[in-house]
Amino acid sequence: MDINIKDIITLDDNNQYVVVSKTIYENKTYYYLIDKNNNTNIKFCYEDLGDLVEFSNEELMVKLLPLFWKNMKNELEGM
């Protein structure tokens, strides 16, 4: 699956999401997504066999947020 920061994807809920950040943690790719039309609709997903799976494990999110931030910052600096 080739999804990158700034890509727009449509999920099963038929909403379009912007990929705000992407990171790899413990050999799994994770995504931070924001609904293109409703910025309060945020999703955290991981890649599993070509599908995106939403998760809500707060402990995992706390570990991932600094990684998302670092990758987002690097992307902005490269613009």
C-alpha atoms as a PDB file:
ATOM      1  CA  MET A   1       0.000   0.000   0.000  1.00  0.00           C
ATOM      2  CA  ASP A   2       1.498   3.312  -1.055  1.00  0.00           C
ATOM      3  CA  ILE A   3      -0.170   6.029   1.032  1.00  0.00           C
ATOM      4  CA  ASN A   4       1.829   9.147   1.817  1.00  0.00           C
ATOM      5  CA  ILE A   5       1.492  12.317   3.867  1.00  0.00           C
ATOM      6  CA  LYS A   6      -0.862  14.803   2.140  1.00  0.00           C
ATOM      7  CA  ASP A   7      -2.632  12.063   0.167  1.00  0.00           C
ATOM      8  CA  ILE A   8      -6.427  12.059   0.218  1.00  0.00           C
ATOM      9  CA  ILE A   9      -8.096   8.700   0.699  1.00  0.00           C
ATOM     10  CA  THR A  10     -11.703   7.559   1.018  1.00  0.00           C
ATOM     11  CA  LEU A  11     -12.544   5.128   3.807  1.00  0.00           C
ATOM     12  CA  ASP A  12     -15.476   2.743   4.179  1.00  0.00           C
ATOM     13  CA  ASP A  13     -17.554   5.535   5.738  1.00  0.00           C
ATOM     14  CA  ASN A  14     -17.376   7.302   2.319  1.00  0.00           C
ATOM     15  CA  ASN A  15     -15.591  10.308   3.833  1.00  0.00           C
ATOM     16  CA  GLN A  16     -12.395  11.676   2.349  1.00  0.00           C
ATOM     17  CA  TYR A  17      -9.435  11.915   4.717  1.00  0.00           C
ATOM     18  CA  VAL A  18      -6.141  13.753   4.435  1.00  0.00           C
ATOM     19  CA  VAL A  19      -3.112  11.792   5.582  1.00  0.00           C
ATOM     20  CA  VAL A  20      -1.652  14.188   8.137  1.00  0.00           C
ATOM     21  CA  SER A  21       1.177  11.896   9.154  1.00  0.00           C
ATOM     22  CA  LYS A  22       2.498   8.384   8.755  1.00  0.00           C
ATOM     23  CA  THR A  23       4.970   6.426  10.871  1.00  0.00           C
ATOM     24  CA  ILE A  24       6.352   2.951  11.359  1.00  0.00           C
ATOM     25  CA  TYR A  25       6.338   1.531  14.878  1.00  0.00           C
ATOM     26  CA  GLU A  26       7.248  -2.050  15.768  1.00  0.00           C
ATOM     27  CA  ASN A  27       7.223  -3.054  12.080  1.00  0.00           C
ATOM     28  CA  LYS A  28       3.685  -1.771  11.509  1.00  0.00           C
ATOM     29  CA  THR A  29       2.697   1.327   9.485  1.00  0.00           C
ATOM     30  CA  TYR A  30       0.354   3.762  11.239  1.00  0.00           C
ATOM     31  CA  TYR A  31      -1.582   6.721   9.839  1.00  0.00           C
ATOM     32  CA  TYR A  32      -3.027   9.882  11.344  1.00  0.00           C
ATOM     33  CA  LEU A  33      -6.026  10.976   9.260  1.00  0.00           C
ATOM     34  CA  ILE A  34      -8.325  13.999   9.343  1.00  0.00           C
ATOM     35  CA  ASP A  35     -11.655  14.198   7.522  1.00  0.00           C
ATOM     36  CA  LYS A  36     -11.287  16.653   4.645  1.00  0.00           C
ATOM     37  CA  ASN A  37     -14.705  18.212   5.323  1.00  0.00           C
ATOM     38  CA  ASN A  38     -14.905  17.898   9.113  1.00  0.00           C
ATOM     39  CA  ASN A  39     -11.630  18.483  10.935  1.00  0.00           C
ATOM     40  CA  THR A  40     -13.075  17.172  14.197  1.00  0.00           C
ATOM     41  CA  ASN A  41     -13.337  13.711  12.612  1.00  0.00           C
ATOM     42  CA  ILE A  42      -9.887  12.243  13.271  1.00  0.00           C
ATOM     43  CA  LYS A  43      -8.856   8.634  12.756  1.00  0.00           C
ATOM     44  CA  PHE A  44      -5.801   6.647  13.720  1.00  0.00           C
ATOM     45  CA  CYS A  45      -5.275   3.559  11.586  1.00  0.00           C
ATOM     46  CA  TYR A  46      -2.715   0.902  10.894  1.00  0.00           C
ATOM     47  CA  GLU A  47      -2.035  -1.018   7.719  1.00  0.00           C
ATOM     48  CA  ASP A  48      -2.963  -4.707   7.741  1.00  0.00           C
ATOM     49  CA  LEU A  49      -2.724  -6.829   4.583  1.00  0.00           C
ATOM     50  CA  GLY A  50      -3.452  -3.847   2.344  1.00  0.00           C
ATOM     51  CA  ASP A  51      -6.348  -2.524   4.428  1.00  0.00           C
ATOM     52  CA  LEU A  52      -6.493   0.345   6.902  1.00  0.00           C
ATOM     53  CA  VAL A  53      -7.788  -0.670  10.319  1.00  0.00           C
ATOM     54  CA  GLU A  54      -8.930   1.979  12.786  1.00  0.00           C
ATOM     55  CA  PHE A  55      -7.765   1.651  16.385  1.00  0.00           C
ATOM     56  CA  SER A  56      -8.475   3.521  19.607  1.00  0.00           C
ATOM     57  CA  ASN A  57      -5.833   2.208  22.013  1.00  0.00           C
ATOM     58  CA  GLU A  58      -4.924   5.349  23.968  1.00  0.00           C
ATOM     59  CA  GLU A  59      -1.647   3.925  25.271  1.00  0.00           C
ATOM     60  CA  LEU A  60      -0.522   3.213  21.708  1.00  0.00           C
ATOM     61  CA  MET A  61      -1.654   6.664  20.542  1.00  0.00           C
ATOM     62  CA  VAL A  62       0.475   8.310  23.244  1.00  0.00           C
ATOM     63  CA  LYS A  63       3.500   6.416  21.902  1.00  0.00           C
ATOM     64  CA  LEU A  64       2.702   7.262  18.294  1.00  0.00           C
ATOM     65  CA  LEU A  65       1.899  10.988  18.619  1.00  0.00           C
ATOM     66  CA  PRO A  66       5.547  12.099  18.986  1.00  0.00           C
ATOM     67  CA  LEU A  67       6.455   9.967  15.955  1.00  0.00           C
ATOM     68  CA  PHE A  68       3.595  11.445  13.930  1.00  0.00           C
ATOM     69  CA  TRP A  69       4.695  14.934  14.968  1.00  0.00           C
ATOM     70  CA  LYS A  70       8.316  14.291  13.960  1.00  0.00           C
ATOM     71  CA  ASN A  71       7.313  12.974  10.522  1.00  0.00           C
ATOM     72  CA  MET A  72       4.843  15.820   9.973  1.00  0.00           C
ATOM     73  CA  LYS A  73       7.523  18.366  10.935  1.00  0.00           C
ATOM     74  CA  ASN A  74      10.042  16.773   8.557  1.00  0.00           C
ATOM     75  CA  GLU A  75       7.495  16.879   5.748  1.00  0.00           C
ATOM     76  CA  LEU A  76       6.745  20.573   6.352  1.00  0.00           C
ATOM     77  CA  GLU A  77      10.440  21.464   6.499  1.00  0.00           C
ATOM     78  CA  GLY A  78      10.977  19.734   3.156  1.00  0.00           C
ATOM     79  CA  MET A  79       8.356  21.910   1.419  1.00  0.00           C
END
